[in-house]
Protein backbone atom coordinates (compact mmCIF):
# COMPACT_ATOMS: atom_id res chain seq x y z
CA UNK A 1 135.34 70.80 158.01
CA UNK A 2 135.82 72.95 154.93
CA UNK A 3 136.44 76.68 155.25
CA UNK A 4 133.72 77.50 152.72
CA UNK A 5 131.20 75.50 150.73
CA UNK A 6 129.72 77.16 147.65
CA UNK A 7 126.40 75.85 146.39
CA UNK A 8 126.21 76.48 142.65
CA UNK A 9 128.77 76.22 139.86
CA UNK A 10 127.64 79.15 137.73
CA UNK A 11 129.39 82.46 137.20
CA UNK A 12 128.76 83.90 140.69
CA UNK A 13 129.74 80.76 142.57
CA UNK A 14 132.86 80.19 140.49
CA UNK A 15 133.99 83.81 140.83
CA UNK A 16 133.61 83.56 144.61
CA UNK A 17 135.54 80.27 144.64
CA UNK A 18 138.47 81.78 142.74
CA UNK A 19 138.92 84.49 145.36
CA UNK A 20 138.43 82.32 148.43
CA UNK A 21 140.70 79.55 147.12
CA UNK A 22 143.44 82.00 146.12
CA UNK A 23 143.29 83.45 149.63
CA UNK A 24 144.09 80.00 151.03
CA UNK A 25 140.62 79.00 152.20
CA UNK A 26 139.66 75.36 151.69
CA UNK A 27 136.96 75.92 149.07
CA UNK A 28 134.43 73.27 148.05
CA UNK A 29 131.89 73.80 145.25
CA UNK A 30 128.75 71.67 145.02
CA UNK A 31 126.90 72.07 141.77
CA UNK A 32 123.93 70.35 140.22
CA UNK A 33 124.89 68.97 136.83
CA UNK A 34 123.16 67.34 133.88
CA UNK A 35 123.50 63.86 135.36
CA UNK A 36 123.30 62.61 138.98
CA UNK A 37 126.56 61.82 140.73
CA UNK A 38 127.95 61.83 144.25
CA UNK A 39 131.62 61.44 143.35
CA UNK A 40 133.95 64.19 144.50
CA UNK A 41 136.66 65.31 142.16
CA UNK A 42 139.32 67.98 141.98
CA UNK A 43 139.26 67.94 138.18
CA UNK A 44 136.55 70.55 137.75
CA UNK A 45 135.78 68.96 134.37
CA UNK A 46 132.05 69.10 134.98
CA UNK A 47 131.14 71.79 137.47
CA UNK A 48 127.46 71.45 136.75
CA UNK A 49 124.84 73.14 134.61
CA UNK A 50 124.75 76.93 134.91
CA UNK A 51 121.83 78.91 133.52
CA UNK A 52 124.46 80.67 131.40
CA UNK A 53 124.67 77.42 129.40
CA UNK A 54 121.32 78.46 127.89
CA UNK A 55 123.02 81.45 126.29
CA UNK A 56 123.60 81.11 122.53
CA UNK A 57 126.42 83.69 122.42
CA UNK A 58 127.77 85.74 125.34
CA UNK A 59 128.28 89.17 123.76
CA UNK A 60 128.31 91.76 126.57
CA UNK A 61 131.14 90.37 128.71
CA UNK A 62 134.20 92.69 128.67
CA UNK A 63 137.29 91.23 127.03
CA UNK A 64 135.60 89.41 124.16
CA UNK A 65 135.15 91.96 121.33
CA UNK A 66 133.09 89.57 119.18
CA UNK A 67 131.52 87.62 122.01
CA UNK A 68 132.32 84.13 123.27
CA UNK A 69 130.58 80.77 123.44
CA UNK A 70 129.01 80.76 126.91
CA UNK A 71 129.81 77.09 127.51
CA UNK A 72 133.46 77.64 126.62
CA UNK A 73 133.55 80.62 128.96
CA UNK A 74 132.16 78.46 131.78
CA UNK A 75 134.78 75.79 131.08
CA UNK A 76 137.55 78.37 131.38
CA UNK A 77 136.18 79.80 134.63
CA UNK A 78 135.86 76.30 136.11
CA UNK A 79 139.45 75.59 135.09
CA UNK A 80 140.54 78.84 136.72
CA UNK A 81 138.75 77.90 139.95
CA UNK A 82 140.42 74.48 139.87
CA UNK A 83 143.85 76.05 139.31
CA UNK A 84 143.20 78.32 142.28
CA UNK A 85 142.66 75.25 144.47
CA UNK A 86 138.88 74.86 144.62
CA UNK A 87 137.50 71.31 144.56
CA UNK A 88 134.17 70.19 143.13
CA UNK A 89 131.33 67.79 143.75
CA UNK A 90 128.62 67.13 141.21
CA UNK A 91 125.37 66.88 143.15
CA UNK A 92 122.48 68.72 144.74
CA UNK A 93 122.31 70.23 148.22
CA UNK A 94 119.00 69.44 149.92
CA UNK A 95 119.42 71.11 153.30
CA UNK A 96 121.74 73.24 155.47
CA UNK A 97 121.75 73.32 159.26
CA UNK A 98 124.17 74.38 161.99
CA UNK A 99 126.50 71.61 163.10
CA UNK A 100 125.55 72.22 166.74
CA UNK A 101 122.12 73.69 167.43
CA UNK A 102 122.24 77.46 167.46
CA UNK A 103 126.03 77.73 167.75
CA UNK A 104 126.82 79.11 164.29
CA UNK A 105 130.53 79.40 165.07
CA UNK A 106 130.76 75.62 164.83
CA UNK A 107 129.84 75.79 161.15
CA UNK A 108 127.20 74.12 159.05
CA UNK A 109 126.38 70.69 157.69
CA UNK A 110 125.05 70.44 154.14
CA UNK A 111 123.02 67.39 153.18
CA UNK A 112 123.42 66.27 149.57
CA UNK A 113 121.18 64.12 147.44
CA UNK A 114 122.80 60.70 147.24
CA UNK A 115 126.12 61.87 148.66
CA UNK A 116 127.87 62.32 151.99
CA UNK A 117 127.10 65.37 154.15
CA UNK A 118 129.53 68.27 153.80
CA UNK A 119 130.64 70.39 156.77
CA UNK A 120 131.82 73.96 156.26
CA UNK A 121 132.47 77.00 158.42
CA UNK A 122 130.80 79.27 155.87
CA UNK A 123 128.28 78.74 153.08
CA UNK A 124 127.73 80.74 149.89
CA UNK A 125 124.42 80.19 148.10
CA UNK A 126 124.89 80.81 144.37
CA UNK A 127 122.38 78.31 143.06
CA UNK A 128 119.76 80.31 141.19
CA UNK A 129 116.87 79.57 141.20
CA UNK A 130 117.13 76.89 143.94
CA UNK A 131 117.14 78.14 147.53
CA UNK A 132 114.85 75.55 149.16
CA UNK A 133 117.81 74.04 151.03
CA UNK A 134 118.14 77.30 153.01
CA UNK A 135 114.66 77.03 154.56
CA UNK A 136 115.89 75.46 157.84
CA UNK A 137 118.13 78.50 158.44
CA UNK A 138 115.51 81.23 157.98
CA UNK A 139 117.90 83.45 156.04
CA UNK A 140 115.09 85.65 154.77
CA UNK A 141 113.83 84.38 151.44
CA UNK A 142 111.68 86.76 149.42
CA UNK A 143 109.13 85.41 146.96
CA UNK A 144 108.68 87.19 143.63
CA UNK A 145 106.28 85.33 141.43
CA UNK A 146 107.33 81.69 141.35
CA UNK A 147 110.94 82.44 142.36
CA UNK A 148 112.61 83.03 145.71
CA UNK A 149 115.42 85.50 146.29
CA UNK A 150 117.60 85.75 149.39
CA UNK A 151 117.72 89.03 151.29
CA UNK A 152 121.33 90.19 151.69
CA UNK A 153 123.32 93.05 153.13
CA UNK A 154 126.71 94.35 152.00
CA UNK A 155 129.01 91.62 150.74
CA UNK A 156 126.14 89.18 150.27
CA UNK A 157 125.82 88.58 154.01
CA UNK A 158 122.44 87.15 155.04
CA UNK A 159 120.58 87.35 158.35
CA UNK A 160 122.41 84.18 159.42
CA UNK A 161 126.05 84.73 160.33
CA UNK A 162 128.30 82.63 158.14
CA UNK A 163 125.78 82.28 155.31
CA UNK A 164 126.05 84.40 152.15
CA UNK A 165 124.25 84.67 148.82
CA UNK A 166 125.79 85.64 145.48
CA UNK A 167 124.53 86.55 142.04
CA UNK A 168 120.96 86.31 140.80
CA UNK A 169 119.75 84.50 143.93
CA UNK A 170 120.77 87.64 145.87
CA UNK A 171 118.65 89.85 143.62
CA UNK A 172 121.45 90.93 141.29
CA UNK A 173 120.60 91.59 137.61
CA UNK A 174 120.51 88.56 135.31
CA UNK A 175 123.82 89.36 133.53
CA UNK A 176 127.03 87.31 133.56
CA UNK A 177 129.37 90.23 134.25
CA UNK A 178 127.23 91.37 137.21
CA UNK A 179 127.11 87.83 138.59
CA UNK A 180 130.89 87.54 138.31
CA UNK A 181 131.43 90.86 140.06
CA UNK A 182 129.00 90.09 142.85
CA UNK A 183 130.46 86.62 143.31
CA UNK A 184 133.92 88.17 143.67
CA UNK A 185 132.58 90.70 146.19
CA UNK A 186 130.97 87.95 148.25
CA UNK A 187 134.19 85.94 148.07
CA UNK A 188 136.09 88.92 149.46
CA UNK A 189 133.50 89.31 152.25
CA UNK A 190 134.05 85.68 153.22
CA UNK A 191 137.81 86.22 153.24
CA UNK A 192 137.54 89.26 155.51
CA UNK A 193 135.04 87.56 157.83
CA UNK A 194 137.36 84.56 158.08
CA UNK A 195 140.12 86.75 159.56
CA UNK A 196 142.56 85.57 156.90
CA UNK A 197 145.60 87.81 156.56
CA UNK A 198 144.68 89.62 153.35
CA UNK A 199 145.29 92.97 151.67
CA UNK A 200 144.53 92.54 147.97
CA UNK A 201 144.64 89.69 145.46
CA UNK A 202 147.25 91.44 143.37
CA UNK A 203 150.32 90.33 141.41
CA UNK A 204 152.83 93.16 141.01
CA UNK A 205 156.19 93.62 139.28
CA UNK A 206 159.25 92.96 141.40
CA UNK A 207 160.09 95.91 143.62
CA UNK A 208 156.60 97.41 143.67
CA UNK A 209 156.49 97.06 147.46
CA UNK A 210 160.00 95.97 148.41
CA UNK A 211 161.49 98.80 146.33
CA UNK A 212 159.81 101.16 148.79
CA UNK A 213 161.15 99.21 151.79
CA UNK A 214 157.73 97.69 152.38
CA UNK A 215 156.86 94.07 153.02
CA UNK A 216 154.70 92.42 150.38
CA UNK A 217 151.17 92.55 151.89
CA UNK A 218 149.20 89.33 152.49
CA UNK A 219 147.44 88.18 149.34
CA UNK A 220 149.85 90.08 147.09
CA UNK A 221 152.80 88.75 145.15
CA UNK A 222 155.82 90.31 143.49
CA UNK A 223 157.24 88.58 140.41
CA UNK A 224 160.34 89.33 138.35
CA UNK A 225 160.36 89.88 134.59
CA UNK A 226 161.30 86.28 133.82
CA UNK A 227 158.36 84.97 135.83
CA UNK A 228 156.02 87.54 134.28
CA UNK A 229 156.97 86.33 130.79
CA UNK A 230 156.57 82.70 131.85
CA UNK A 231 153.06 83.34 133.15
CA UNK A 232 152.14 85.33 130.07
CA UNK A 233 153.29 82.47 127.82
CA UNK A 234 151.32 79.94 129.84
CA UNK A 235 148.21 82.16 129.72
CA UNK A 236 148.45 82.55 125.95
CA UNK A 237 148.92 78.82 125.46
CA UNK A 238 145.84 78.10 127.57
CA UNK A 239 143.66 80.51 125.60
CA UNK A 240 144.97 79.37 122.22
CA UNK A 241 144.30 75.74 123.10
CA UNK A 242 140.82 76.56 124.43
CA UNK A 243 139.81 78.34 121.22
CA UNK A 244 141.66 76.13 118.74
CA UNK A 245 138.53 74.21 117.72
CA UNK A 246 134.78 74.95 117.79
CA UNK A 247 133.07 73.68 120.91
CA UNK A 248 130.92 70.67 120.10
CA UNK A 249 128.10 71.63 122.46
CA UNK A 250 124.75 73.27 121.85
CA UNK A 251 123.02 75.76 124.16
CA UNK A 252 120.67 74.23 126.71
CA UNK A 253 117.07 74.97 125.77
CA UNK A 254 114.62 76.32 128.35
CA UNK A 255 113.05 73.32 130.13
CA UNK A 256 109.53 74.43 129.21
CA UNK A 257 110.24 74.17 125.46
CA UNK A 258 109.20 70.89 123.87
CA UNK A 259 111.81 70.00 121.24
CA UNK A 260 110.39 66.57 120.30
């Protein structure tokens, strides 16, 4: 029984996974990728195909003055989720139902195409545009044209306790930065609903709390100057390595375009 299963390995799902994993929740991400597979891996090397992979150049995401290759950005976010402790399965979820009838406190079982069922106490749907697997739960899907959105309240909570929706599938604008922010907000909602001891996900300089005779709050961390420099060096090395060479991948074309 996982603490949380996230369906979808795009920006919203990955952002949620970073927060839930860093808070100590056993976080499992199931994402549909470019090839079928039922193998589970902690590598995060192939978190699945996000719609962002169709982007030719991501140019409105804060922190990248001249833009960034969208596929490289996704690789970095998947690596960050992996480092936080999230694990991944490449596959497709076909259905979600309560483990025991109407007793939602017992969690949910997620059926996967060609893989073993996954049990989780909470589920985050971040799988735009696929929400068919939520039909058995009656979460409140809203049809707009040929697409279905999921009706949510604050924090991405749906009409079914323990089930959340993040990003575009929850009606958020089709922008990467918005999806990331909403995914993080949903992740925080899951943390709070899980009754995990948590204040903020915040790394502070040594003495920020203890220098005021306060205990370091749950979810926070104080680090000394030596550790701060070590982390900064590691972060710079990671980014330099990631951008050392051009990424040998092309944007994914819209499936309706015939390129033959």
